PDB file of N, CA and C in Angstrom:
ATOM      1  N   MET A   1       0.860  -1.166   0.000  1.00  0.00           N
ATOM      2  CA  MET A   1       0.000   0.000   0.000  1.00  0.00           C
ATOM      3  C   MET A   1       0.901   1.222   0.000  1.00  0.00           C
ATOM      4  N   SER A   2       0.557   2.184  -0.815  1.00  0.00           N
ATOM      5  CA  SER A   2       1.398   3.371  -0.906  1.00  0.00           C
ATOM      6  C   SER A   2       1.104   4.342   0.225  1.00  0.00           C
ATOM      7  N   ASN A   3       2.011   5.287   0.395  1.00  0.00           N
ATOM      8  CA  ASN A   3       1.873   6.305   1.434  1.00  0.00           C
ATOM      9  C   ASN A   3       0.655   7.187   1.171  1.00  0.00           C
ATOM     10  N   ILE A   4       0.338   7.418  -0.103  1.00  0.00           N
ATOM     11  CA  ILE A   4      -0.821   8.240  -0.460  1.00  0.00           C
ATOM     12  C   ILE A   4      -2.098   7.551   0.002  1.00  0.00           C
ATOM     13  N   ASP A   5      -2.202   6.236  -0.186  1.00  0.00           N
ATOM     14  CA  ASP A   5      -3.389   5.506   0.253  1.00  0.00           C
ATOM     15  C   ASP A   5      -3.551   5.590   1.761  1.00  0.00           C
ATOM     16  N   ILE A   6      -2.460   5.462   2.484  1.00  0.00           N
ATOM     17  CA  ILE A   6      -2.517   5.533   3.948  1.00  0.00           C
ATOM     18  C   ILE A   6      -2.967   6.917   4.384  1.00  0.00           C
ATOM     19  N   GLN A   7      -2.420   7.954   3.759  1.00  0.00           N
ATOM     20  CA  GLN A   7      -2.811   9.314   4.111  1.00  0.00           C
ATOM     21  C   GLN A   7      -4.283   9.568   3.788  1.00  0.00           C
ATOM     22  N   ASN A   8      -4.765   8.998   2.692  1.00  0.00           N
ATOM     23  CA  ASN A   8      -6.172   9.144   2.319  1.00  0.00           C
ATOM     24  C   ASN A   8      -7.069   8.480   3.353  1.00  0.00           C
ATOM     25  N   VAL A   9      -6.716   7.277   3.760  1.00  0.00           N
ATOM     26  CA  VAL A   9      -7.503   6.565   4.767  1.00  0.00           C
ATOM     27  C   VAL A   9      -7.477   7.315   6.098  1.00  0.00           C
ATOM     28  N   LEU A  10      -6.307   7.808   6.496  1.00  0.00           N
ATOM     29  CA  LEU A  10      -6.205   8.571   7.743  1.00  0.00           C
ATOM     30  C   LEU A  10      -7.046   9.841   7.702  1.00  0.00           C
ATOM     31  N   SER A  11      -7.041  10.529   6.582  1.00  0.00           N
ATOM     32  CA  SER A  11      -7.840  11.756   6.489  1.00  0.00           C
ATOM     33  C   SER A  11      -9.327  11.439   6.529  1.00  0.00           C
ATOM     34  N   GLN A  12      -9.738  10.321   5.932  1.00  0.00           N
ATOM     35  CA  GLN A  12     -11.146   9.913   6.005  1.00  0.00           C
ATOM     36  C   GLN A  12     -11.530   9.557   7.429  1.00  0.00           C
ATOM     37  N   MET A  13     -10.638   8.881   8.152  1.00  0.00           N
ATOM     38  CA  MET A  13     -10.921   8.520   9.537  1.00  0.00           C
ATOM     39  C   MET A  13     -11.026   9.765  10.406  1.00  0.00           C
ATOM     40  N   ARG A  14     -10.172  10.746  10.168  1.00  0.00           N
ATOM     41  CA  ARG A  14     -10.242  11.994  10.936  1.00  0.00           C
ATOM     42  C   ARG A  14     -11.543  12.737  10.645  1.00  0.00           C
ATOM     43  N   ALA A  15     -11.973  12.723   9.387  1.00  0.00           N
ATOM     44  CA  ALA A  15     -13.225  13.402   9.029  1.00  0.00           C
ATOM     45  C   ALA A  15     -14.414  12.742   9.712  1.00  0.00           C
ATOM     46  N   VAL A  16     -14.424  11.415   9.743  1.00  0.00           N
ATOM     47  CA  VAL A  16     -15.510  10.698  10.417  1.00  0.00           C
ATOM     48  C   VAL A  16     -15.481  10.970  11.915  1.00  0.00           C
ATOM     49  N   ALA A  17     -14.287  11.008  12.499  1.00  0.00           N
ATOM     50  CA  ALA A  17     -14.170  11.289  13.934  1.00  0.00           C
ATOM     51  C   ALA A  17     -14.654  12.689  14.262  1.00  0.00           C
ATOM     52  N   SER A  18     -14.341  13.658  13.411  1.00  0.00           N
ATOM     53  CA  SER A  18     -14.795  15.025  13.678  1.00  0.00           C
ATOM     54  C   SER A  18     -16.303  15.139  13.530  1.00  0.00           C
ATOM     55  N   LYS A  19     -16.898  14.399  12.598  1.00  0.00           N
ATOM     56  CA  LYS A  19     -18.358  14.390  12.462  1.00  0.00           C
ATOM     57  C   LYS A  19     -19.002  13.747  13.675  1.00  0.00           C
ATOM     58  N   ALA A  20     -18.367  12.715  14.201  1.00  0.00           N
ATOM     59  CA  ALA A  20     -18.928  12.004  15.347  1.00  0.00           C
ATOM     60  C   ALA A  20     -18.929  12.868  16.599  1.00  0.00           C
ATOM     61  N   GLN A  21     -17.935  13.755  16.745  1.00  0.00           N
ATOM     62  CA  GLN A  21     -17.876  14.619  17.909  1.00  0.00           C
ATOM     63  C   GLN A  21     -18.974  15.654  17.875  1.00  0.00           C
ATOM     64  N   GLY A  22     -19.342  16.110  16.707  1.00  0.00           N
ATOM     65  CA  GLY A  22     -20.445  17.052  16.562  1.00  0.00           C
ATOM     66  C   GLY A  22     -20.116  18.437  17.075  1.00  0.00           C
ATOM     67  N   PRO A  23     -21.073  19.349  16.927  1.00  0.00           N
ATOM     68  CA  PRO A  23     -20.843  20.718  17.382  1.00  0.00           C
ATOM     69  C   PRO A  23     -20.926  20.822  18.897  1.00  0.00           C
ATOM     70  N   GLU A  24     -20.277  21.843  19.421  1.00  0.00           N
ATOM     71  CA  GLU A  24     -20.250  22.067  20.869  1.00  0.00           C
ATOM     72  C   GLU A  24     -21.601  22.536  21.383  1.00  0.00           C
ATOM     73  N   THR A  25     -22.304  23.361  20.611  1.00  0.00           N
ATOM     74  CA  THR A  25     -23.574  23.905  21.048  1.00  0.00           C
ATOM     75  C   THR A  25     -24.716  23.272  20.286  1.00  0.00           C
ATOM     76  N   ILE A  26     -25.884  23.284  20.905  1.00  0.00           N
ATOM     77  CA  ILE A  26     -27.072  22.724  20.272  1.00  0.00           C
ATOM     78  C   ILE A  26     -27.919  23.890  19.785  1.00  0.00           C
ATOM     79  N   SER A  27     -28.327  23.813  18.527  1.00  0.00           N
ATOM     80  CA  SER A  27     -29.177  24.860  17.984  1.00  0.00           C
ATOM     81  C   SER A  27     -30.341  24.217  17.245  1.00  0.00           C
ATOM     82  N   ALA A  28     -31.267  25.026  16.831  1.00  0.00           N
ATOM     83  CA  ALA A  28     -32.451  24.528  16.134  1.00  0.00           C
ATOM     84  C   ALA A  28     -32.044  23.922  14.797  1.00  0.00           C
ATOM     85  N   PRO A  29     -32.765  22.874  14.326  1.00  0.00           N
ATOM     86  CA  PRO A  29     -32.403  22.234  13.069  1.00  0.00           C
ATOM     87  C   PRO A  29     -32.423  23.177  11.875  1.00  0.00           C
ATOM     88  N   GLY A  30     -33.219  24.220  11.905  1.00  0.00           N
ATOM     89  CA  GLY A  30     -33.300  25.135  10.784  1.00  0.00           C
ATOM     90  C   GLY A  30     -32.188  26.164  10.752  1.00  0.00           C
ATOM     91  N   ALA A  31     -31.300  26.141  11.701  1.00  0.00           N
ATOM     92  CA  ALA A  31     -30.254  27.166  11.796  1.00  0.00           C
ATOM     93  C   ALA A  31     -28.994  26.768  11.052  1.00  0.00           C
ATOM     94  N   GLY A  32     -29.135  26.240   9.827  1.00  0.00           N
ATOM     95  CA  GLY A  32     -27.975  25.919   9.023  1.00  0.00           C
ATOM     96  C   GLY A  32     -27.418  24.528   9.259  1.00  0.00           C
ATOM     97  N   GLN A  33     -28.052  23.734  10.084  1.00  0.00           N
ATOM     98  CA  GLN A  33     -27.602  22.370  10.320  1.00  0.00           C
ATOM     99  C   GLN A  33     -28.628  21.411   9.733  1.00  0.00           C
ATOM    100  N   GLN A  34     -28.147  20.234   9.342  1.00  0.00           N
ATOM    101  CA  GLN A  34     -29.082  19.237   8.856  1.00  0.00           C
ATOM    102  C   GLN A  34     -29.707  18.505  10.036  1.00  0.00           C
ATOM    103  N   ASP A  35     -30.907  18.038   9.862  1.00  0.00           N
ATOM    104  CA  ASP A  35     -31.569  17.353  10.956  1.00  0.00           C
ATOM    105  C   ASP A  35     -31.026  15.936  11.110  1.00  0.00           C
ATOM    106  N   PHE A  36     -31.397  15.298  12.192  1.00  0.00           N
ATOM    107  CA  PHE A  36     -30.848  13.988  12.533  1.00  0.00           C
ATOM    108  C   PHE A  36     -31.190  12.940  11.483  1.00  0.00           C
ATOM    109  N   SER A  37     -32.417  12.967  10.980  1.00  0.00           N
ATOM    110  CA  SER A  37     -32.821  11.961   9.999  1.00  0.00           C
ATOM    111  C   SER A  37     -31.987  12.064   8.725  1.00  0.00           C
ATOM    112  N   GLN A  38     -31.690  13.285   8.307  1.00  0.00           N
ATOM    113  CA  GLN A  38     -30.869  13.473   7.110  1.00  0.00           C
ATOM    114  C   GLN A  38     -29.431  13.018   7.370  1.00  0.00           C
ATOM    115  N   LEU A  39     -28.916  13.311   8.538  1.00  0.00           N
ATOM    116  CA  LEU A  39     -27.576  12.870   8.897  1.00  0.00           C
ATOM    117  C   LEU A  39     -27.493  11.345   8.927  1.00  0.00           C
ATOM    118  N   LEU A  40     -28.515  10.718   9.489  1.00  0.00           N
ATOM    119  CA  LEU A  40     -28.548   9.253   9.541  1.00  0.00           C
ATOM    120  C   LEU A  40     -28.645   8.658   8.138  1.00  0.00           C
ATOM    121  N   LYS A  41     -29.482   9.243   7.298  1.00  0.00           N
ATOM    122  CA  LYS A  41     -29.621   8.761   5.919  1.00  0.00           C
ATOM    123  C   LYS A  41     -28.302   8.893   5.163  1.00  0.00           C
ATOM    124  N   ASN A  42     -27.634  10.029   5.329  1.00  0.00           N
ATOM    125  CA  ASN A  42     -26.342  10.229   4.657  1.00  0.00           C
ATOM    126  C   ASN A  42     -25.308   9.216   5.132  1.00  0.00           C
ATOM    127  N   SER A  43     -25.320   8.913   6.417  1.00  0.00           N
ATOM    128  CA  SER A  43     -24.384   7.922   6.957  1.00  0.00           C
ATOM    129  C   SER A  43     -24.666   6.536   6.399  1.00  0.00           C
ATOM    130  N   ILE A  44     -25.937   6.169   6.331  1.00  0.00           N
ATOM    131  CA  ILE A  44     -26.297   4.860   5.777  1.00  0.00           C
ATOM    132  C   ILE A  44     -25.914   4.784   4.304  1.00  0.00           C
ATOM    133  N   ASP A  45     -26.144   5.857   3.569  1.00  0.00           N
ATOM    134  CA  ASP A  45     -25.746   5.889   2.162  1.00  0.00           C
ATOM    135  C   ASP A  45     -24.229   5.754   2.003  1.00  0.00           C
ATOM    136  N   ALA A  46     -23.479   6.393   2.898  1.00  0.00           N
ATOM    137  CA  ALA A  46     -22.019   6.295   2.831  1.00  0.00           C
ATOM    138  C   ALA A  46     -21.551   4.861   3.087  1.00  0.00           C
ATOM    139  N   VAL A  47     -22.177   4.182   4.047  1.00  0.00           N
ATOM    140  CA  VAL A  47     -21.843   2.783   4.325  1.00  0.00           C
ATOM    141  C   VAL A  47     -22.185   1.924   3.115  1.00  0.00           C
ATOM    142  N   ASN A  48     -23.340   2.178   2.525  1.00  0.00           N
ATOM    143  CA  ASN A  48     -23.753   1.424   1.341  1.00  0.00           C
ATOM    144  C   ASN A  48     -22.779   1.632   0.190  1.00  0.00           C
ATOM    145  N   ASN A  49     -22.364   2.868  -0.037  1.00  0.00           N
ATOM    146  CA  ASN A  49     -21.409   3.151  -1.109  1.00  0.00           C
ATOM    147  C   ASN A  49     -20.062   2.481  -0.848  1.00  0.00           C
ATOM    148  N   THR A  50     -19.631   2.459   0.396  1.00  0.00           N
ATOM    149  CA  THR A  50     -18.369   1.800   0.743  1.00  0.00           C
ATOM    150  C   THR A  50     -18.459   0.304   0.453  1.00  0.00           C
ATOM    151  N   GLN A  51     -19.591  -0.301   0.781  1.00  0.00           N
ATOM    152  CA  GLN A  51     -19.757  -1.724   0.517  1.00  0.00           C
ATOM    153  C   GLN A  51     -19.831  -2.014  -0.980  1.00  0.00           C
ATOM    154  N   LYS A  52     -20.499  -1.145  -1.734  1.00  0.00           N
ATOM    155  CA  LYS A  52     -20.559  -1.327  -3.189  1.00  0.00           C
ATOM    156  C   LYS A  52     -19.173  -1.215  -3.814  1.00  0.00           C
ATOM    157  N   GLU A  53     -18.393  -0.232  -3.350  1.00  0.00           N
ATOM    158  CA  GLU A  53     -17.041  -0.050  -3.865  1.00  0.00           C
ATOM    159  C   GLU A  53     -16.179  -1.277  -3.578  1.00  0.00           C
ATOM    160  N   ALA A  54     -16.301  -1.818  -2.368  1.00  0.00           N
ATOM    161  CA  ALA A  54     -15.540  -3.018  -2.022  1.00  0.00           C
ATOM    162  C   ALA A  54     -15.968  -4.199  -2.894  1.00  0.00           C
ATOM    163  N   GLY A  55     -17.247  -4.309  -3.157  1.00  0.00           N
ATOM    164  CA  GLY A  55     -17.742  -5.380  -4.021  1.00  0.00           C
ATOM    165  C   GLY A  55     -17.214  -5.261  -5.438  1.00  0.00           C
ATOM    166  N   LYS A  56     -17.190  -4.034  -5.952  1.00  0.00           N
ATOM    167  CA  LYS A  56     -16.676  -3.816  -7.307  1.00  0.00           C
ATOM    168  C   LYS A  56     -15.188  -4.148  -7.394  1.00  0.00           C
ATOM    169  N   LEU A  57     -14.430  -3.730  -6.371  1.00  0.00           N
ATOM    170  CA  LEU A  57     -12.995  -4.048  -6.370  1.00  0.00           C
ATOM    171  C   LEU A  57     -12.767  -5.550  -6.266  1.00  0.00           C
ATOM    172  N   THR A  58     -13.578  -6.224  -5.468  1.00  0.00           N
ATOM    173  CA  THR A  58     -13.453  -7.679  -5.325  1.00  0.00           C
ATOM    174  C   THR A  58     -13.721  -8.368  -6.662  1.00  0.00           C
ATOM    175  N   GLU A  59     -14.786  -7.944  -7.340  1.00  0.00           N
ATOM    176  CA  GLU A  59     -15.099  -8.526  -8.642  1.00  0.00           C
ATOM    177  C   GLU A  59     -14.008  -8.237  -9.661  1.00  0.00           C
ATOM    178  N   ALA A  60     -13.466  -7.018  -9.628  1.00  0.00           N
ATOM    179  CA  ALA A  60     -12.398  -6.652 -10.563  1.00  0.00           C
ATOM    180  C   ALA A  60     -11.157  -7.499 -10.316  1.00  0.00           C
ATOM    181  N   PHE A  61     -10.831  -7.712  -9.047  1.00  0.00           N
ATOM    182  CA  PHE A  61      -9.660  -8.532  -8.734  1.00  0.00           C
ATOM    183  C   PHE A  61      -9.897  -9.985  -9.135  1.00  0.00           C
ATOM    184  N   ALA A  62     -11.098 -10.491  -8.872  1.00  0.00           N
ATOM    185  CA  ALA A  62     -11.404 -11.882  -9.211  1.00  0.00           C
ATOM    186  C   ALA A  62     -11.399 -12.107 -10.720  1.00  0.00           C
ATOM    187  N   SER A  63     -11.755 -11.072 -11.480  1.00  0.00           N
ATOM    188  CA  SER A  63     -11.765 -11.224 -12.932  1.00  0.00           C
ATOM    189  C   SER A  63     -10.376 -11.029 -13.537  1.00  0.00           C
ATOM    190  N   GLY A  64      -9.403 -10.637 -12.717  1.00  0.00           N
ATOM    191  CA  GLY A  64      -8.022 -10.556 -13.178  1.00  0.00           C
ATOM    192  C   GLY A  64      -7.628  -9.238 -13.796  1.00  0.00           C
ATOM    193  N   GLN A  65      -8.325  -8.178 -13.483  1.00  0.00           N
ATOM    194  CA  GLN A  65      -7.944  -6.872 -14.030  1.00  0.00           C
ATOM    195  C   GLN A  65      -6.577  -6.485 -13.472  1.00  0.00           C
ATOM    196  N   PRO A  66      -5.674  -6.042 -14.325  1.00  0.00           N
ATOM    197  CA  PRO A  66      -4.296  -5.776 -13.889  1.00  0.00           C
ATOM    198  C   PRO A  66      -4.129  -4.535 -13.009  1.00  0.00           C
ATOM    199  N   ASN A  67      -5.079  -3.610 -13.042  1.00  0.00           N
ATOM    200  CA  ASN A  67      -4.924  -2.372 -12.269  1.00  0.00           C
ATOM    201  C   ASN A  67      -5.450  -2.487 -10.841  1.00  0.00           C
ATOM    202  N   VAL A  68      -5.900  -3.670 -10.435  1.00  0.00           N
ATOM    203  CA  VAL A  68      -6.415  -3.881  -9.079  1.00  0.00           C
ATOM    204  C   VAL A  68      -5.525  -4.896  -8.381  1.00  0.00           C
ATOM    205  N   ASN A  69      -4.959  -4.502  -7.232  1.00  0.00           N
ATOM    206  CA  ASN A  69      -4.128  -5.452  -6.494  1.00  0.00           C
ATOM    207  C   ASN A  69      -4.830  -5.888  -5.212  1.00  0.00           C
ATOM    208  N   ILE A  70      -4.297  -6.901  -4.598  1.00  0.00           N
ATOM    209  CA  ILE A  70      -4.926  -7.499  -3.411  1.00  0.00           C
ATOM    210  C   ILE A  70      -4.966  -6.518  -2.233  1.00  0.00           C
ATOM    211  N   ALA A  71      -3.980  -5.645  -2.134  1.00  0.00           N
ATOM    212  CA  ALA A  71      -3.966  -4.680  -1.023  1.00  0.00           C
ATOM    213  C   ALA A  71      -5.144  -3.723  -1.115  1.00  0.00           C
ATOM    214  N   GLN A  72      -5.447  -3.248  -2.321  1.00  0.00           N
ATOM    215  CA  GLN A  72      -6.604  -2.374  -2.508  1.00  0.00           C
ATOM    216  C   GLN A  72      -7.898  -3.080  -2.121  1.00  0.00           C
ATOM    217  N   VAL A  73      -8.000  -4.328  -2.522  1.00  0.00           N
ATOM    218  CA  VAL A  73      -9.205  -5.105  -2.230  1.00  0.00           C
ATOM    219  C   VAL A  73      -9.356  -5.305  -0.729  1.00  0.00           C
ATOM    220  N   MET A  74      -8.281  -5.668  -0.064  1.00  0.00           N
ATOM    221  CA  MET A  74      -8.351  -5.926   1.374  1.00  0.00           C
ATOM    222  C   MET A  74      -8.662  -4.659   2.161  1.00  0.00           C
ATOM    223  N   VAL A  75      -8.072  -3.530   1.773  1.00  0.00           N
ATOM    224  CA  VAL A  75      -8.357  -2.268   2.458  1.00  0.00           C
ATOM    225  C   VAL A  75      -9.816  -1.877   2.255  1.00  0.00           C
ATOM    226  N   ALA A  76     -10.304  -2.016   1.027  1.00  0.00           N
ATOM    227  CA  ALA A  76     -11.706  -1.682   0.750  1.00  0.00           C
ATOM    228  C   ALA A  76     -12.651  -2.578   1.535  1.00  0.00           C
ATOM    229  N   LEU A  77     -12.335  -3.867   1.625  1.00  0.00           N
ATOM    230  CA  LEU A  77     -13.179  -4.791   2.391  1.00  0.00           C
ATOM    231  C   LEU A  77     -13.159  -4.458   3.879  1.00  0.00           C
ATOM    232  N   GLN A  78     -11.996  -4.095   4.401  1.00  0.00           N
ATOM    233  CA  GLN A  78     -11.911  -3.741   5.822  1.00  0.00           C
ATOM    234  C   GLN A  78     -12.661  -2.441   6.110  1.00  0.00           C
ATOM    235  N   LYS A  79     -12.552  -1.463   5.202  1.00  0.00           N
ATOM    236  CA  LYS A  79     -13.295  -0.214   5.379  1.00  0.00           C
ATOM    237  C   LYS A  79     -14.795  -0.483   5.380  1.00  0.00           C
ATOM    238  N   ALA A  80     -15.242  -1.343   4.480  1.00  0.00           N
ATOM    239  CA  ALA A  80     -16.658  -1.678   4.418  1.00  0.00           C
ATOM    240  C   ALA A  80     -17.095  -2.404   5.685  1.00  0.00           C
ATOM    241  N   ASN A  81     -16.257  -3.295   6.176  1.00  0.00           N
ATOM    242  CA  ASN A  81     -16.571  -4.041   7.387  1.00  0.00           C
ATOM    243  C   ASN A  81     -16.646  -3.120   8.605  1.00  0.00           C
ATOM    244  N   VAL A  82     -15.664  -2.251   8.752  1.00  0.00           N
ATOM    245  CA  VAL A  82     -15.637  -1.341   9.903  1.00  0.00           C
ATOM    246  C   VAL A  82     -16.817  -0.372   9.848  1.00  0.00           C
ATOM    247  N   SER A  83     -17.109   0.167   8.675  1.00  0.00           N
ATOM    248  CA  SER A  83     -18.233   1.101   8.577  1.00  0.00           C
ATOM    249  C   SER A  83     -19.555   0.407   8.853  1.00  0.00           C
ATOM    250  N   PHE A  84     -19.700  -0.848   8.414  1.00  0.00           N
ATOM    251  CA  PHE A  84     -20.932  -1.584   8.692  1.00  0.00           C
ATOM    252  C   PHE A  84     -21.058  -1.892  10.179  1.00  0.00           C
ATOM    253  N   GLN A  85     -19.968  -2.283  10.812  1.00  0.00           N
ATOM    254  CA  GLN A  85     -20.008  -2.544  12.248  1.00  0.00           C
ATOM    255  C   GLN A  85     -20.339  -1.283  13.037  1.00  0.00           C
ATOM    256  N   ALA A  86     -19.776  -0.155  12.623  1.00  0.00           N
ATOM    257  CA  ALA A  86     -20.078   1.107  13.298  1.00  0.00           C
ATOM    258  C   ALA A  86     -21.556   1.459  13.134  1.00  0.00           C
ATOM    259  N   MET A  87     -22.085   1.273  11.927  1.00  0.00           N
ATOM    260  CA  MET A  87     -23.497   1.553  11.697  1.00  0.00           C
ATOM    261  C   MET A  87     -24.378   0.621  12.521  1.00  0.00           C
ATOM    262  N   THR A  88     -23.965  -0.618  12.666  1.00  0.00           N
ATOM    263  CA  THR A  88     -24.720  -1.566  13.487  1.00  0.00           C
ATOM    264  C   THR A  88     -24.732  -1.127  14.943  1.00  0.00           C
ATOM    265  N   GLN A  89     -23.611  -0.638  15.434  1.00  0.00           N
ATOM    266  CA  GLN A  89     -23.553  -0.158  16.815  1.00  0.00           C
ATOM    267  C   GLN A  89     -24.427   1.080  17.007  1.00  0.00           C
ATOM    268  N   VAL A  90     -24.440   1.961  16.021  1.00  0.00           N
ATOM    269  CA  VAL A  90     -25.315   3.138  16.100  1.00  0.00           C
ATOM    270  C   VAL A  90     -26.765   2.697  16.135  1.00  0.00           C
ATOM    271  N   ARG A  91     -27.112   1.740  15.293  1.00  0.00           N
ATOM    272  CA  ARG A  91     -28.485   1.218  15.296  1.00  0.00           C
ATOM    273  C   ARG A  91     -28.835   0.632  16.647  1.00  0.00           C
ATOM    274  N   ASN A  92     -27.925  -0.144  17.221  1.00  0.00           N
ATOM    275  CA  ASN A  92     -28.188  -0.745  18.532  1.00  0.00           C
ATOM    276  C   ASN A  92     -28.403   0.317  19.600  1.00  0.00           C
ATOM    277  N   LYS A  93     -27.602   1.369  19.574  1.00  0.00           N
ATOM    278  CA  LYS A  93     -27.760   2.451  20.552  1.00  0.00           C
ATOM    279  C   LYS A  93     -29.083   3.187  20.351  1.00  0.00           C
ATOM    280  N   LEU A  94     -29.484   3.373  19.102  1.00  0.00           N
ATOM    281  CA  LEU A  94     -30.772   4.020  18.837  1.00  0.00           C
ATOM    282  C   LEU A  94     -31.936   3.170  19.343  1.00  0.00           C
ATOM    283  N   VAL A  95     -31.856   1.870  19.134  1.00  0.00           N
ATOM    284  CA  VAL A  95     -32.900   0.981  19.626  1.00  0.00           C
ATOM    285  C   VAL A  95     -32.935   1.007  21.149  1.00  0.00           C
ATOM    286  N   ASP A  96     -31.778   0.977  21.785  1.00  0.00           N
ATOM    287  CA  ASP A  96     -31.721   1.062  23.256  1.00  0.00           C
ATOM    288  C   ASP A  96     -32.329   2.366  23.760  1.00  0.00           C
ATOM    289  N   ALA A  97     -32.005   3.464  23.084  1.00  0.00           N
ATOM    290  CA  ALA A  97     -32.552   4.759  23.499  1.00  0.00           C
ATOM    291  C   ALA A  97     -34.071   4.785  23.315  1.00  0.00           C
ATOM    292  N   TYR A  98     -34.548   4.236  22.215  1.00  0.00           N
ATOM    293  CA  TYR A  98     -35.990   4.171  21.976  1.00  0.00           C
ATOM    294  C   TYR A  98     -36.685   3.344  23.054  1.00  0.00           C
ATOM    295  N   GLN A  99     -36.101   2.200  23.370  1.00  0.00           N
ATOM    296  CA  GLN A  99     -36.695   1.346  24.404  1.00  0.00           C
ATOM    297  C   GLN A  99     -36.689   2.042  25.757  1.00  0.00           C
ATOM    298  N   GLU A 100     -35.643   2.773  26.059  1.00  0.00           N
ATOM    299  CA  GLU A 100     -35.583   3.509  27.326  1.00  0.00           C
ATOM    300  C   GLU A 100     -36.662   4.586  27.385  1.00  0.00           C
ATOM    301  N   ILE A 101     -36.846   5.286  26.278  1.00  0.00           N
ATOM    302  CA  ILE A 101     -37.895   6.310  26.231  1.00  0.00           C
ATOM    303  C   ILE A 101     -39.277   5.672  26.398  1.00  0.00           C
ATOM    304  N   MET A 102     -39.477   4.516  25.781  1.00  0.00           N
ATOM    305  CA  MET A 102     -40.782   3.855  25.882  1.00  0.00           C
ATOM    306  C   MET A 102     -41.046   3.353  27.309  1.00  0.00           C
ATOM    307  N   ARG A 103     -40.016   3.097  28.073  1.00  0.00           N
ATOM    308  CA  ARG A 103     -40.197   2.647  29.453  1.00  0.00           C
ATOM    309  C   ARG A 103     -40.466   3.795  30.409  1.00  0.00           C
ATOM    310  N   MET A 104     -40.219   5.017  29.977  1.00  0.00           N
ATOM    311  CA  MET A 104     -40.441   6.173  30.837  1.00  0.00           C
ATOM    312  C   MET A 104     -41.934   6.342  31.116  1.00  0.00           C
ATOM    313  N   GLN A 105     -42.224   6.710  32.355  1.00  0.00           N
ATOM    314  CA  GLN A 105     -43.611   6.985  32.698  1.00  0.00           C
ATOM    315  C   GLN A 105     -43.883   8.467  32.535  1.00  0.00           C
ATOM    316  N   ILE A 106     -45.052   8.752  32.092  1.00  0.00           N
ATOM    317  CA  ILE A 106     -45.422  10.161  31.871  1.00  0.00           C
ATOM    318  C   ILE A 106     -45.950  10.785  33.126  1.00  0.00           C
TER     319      ILE A 106
END
């Protein structure tokens, strides 16, 4: 794997980490921020795109295309796996939060 690929992956990880930290202050959804549902949809779409990209690279490598090497395929598969696991954990936390809210008495 080249140094450029590593730097690209590191910059993507930093961008995801900064998104996960979120803003310091809470403001109304109409104040220039996207609402939670849109943020969740964008995240799910990003995970889906990562998985599609990994699938395409896997197929390209299996078909013997010379411009695709095993390192690219393995990195793409790991990125897809990690993003899917993270999305699964977010889903689990959302379900837990929903169940907790439903147990609250009014």
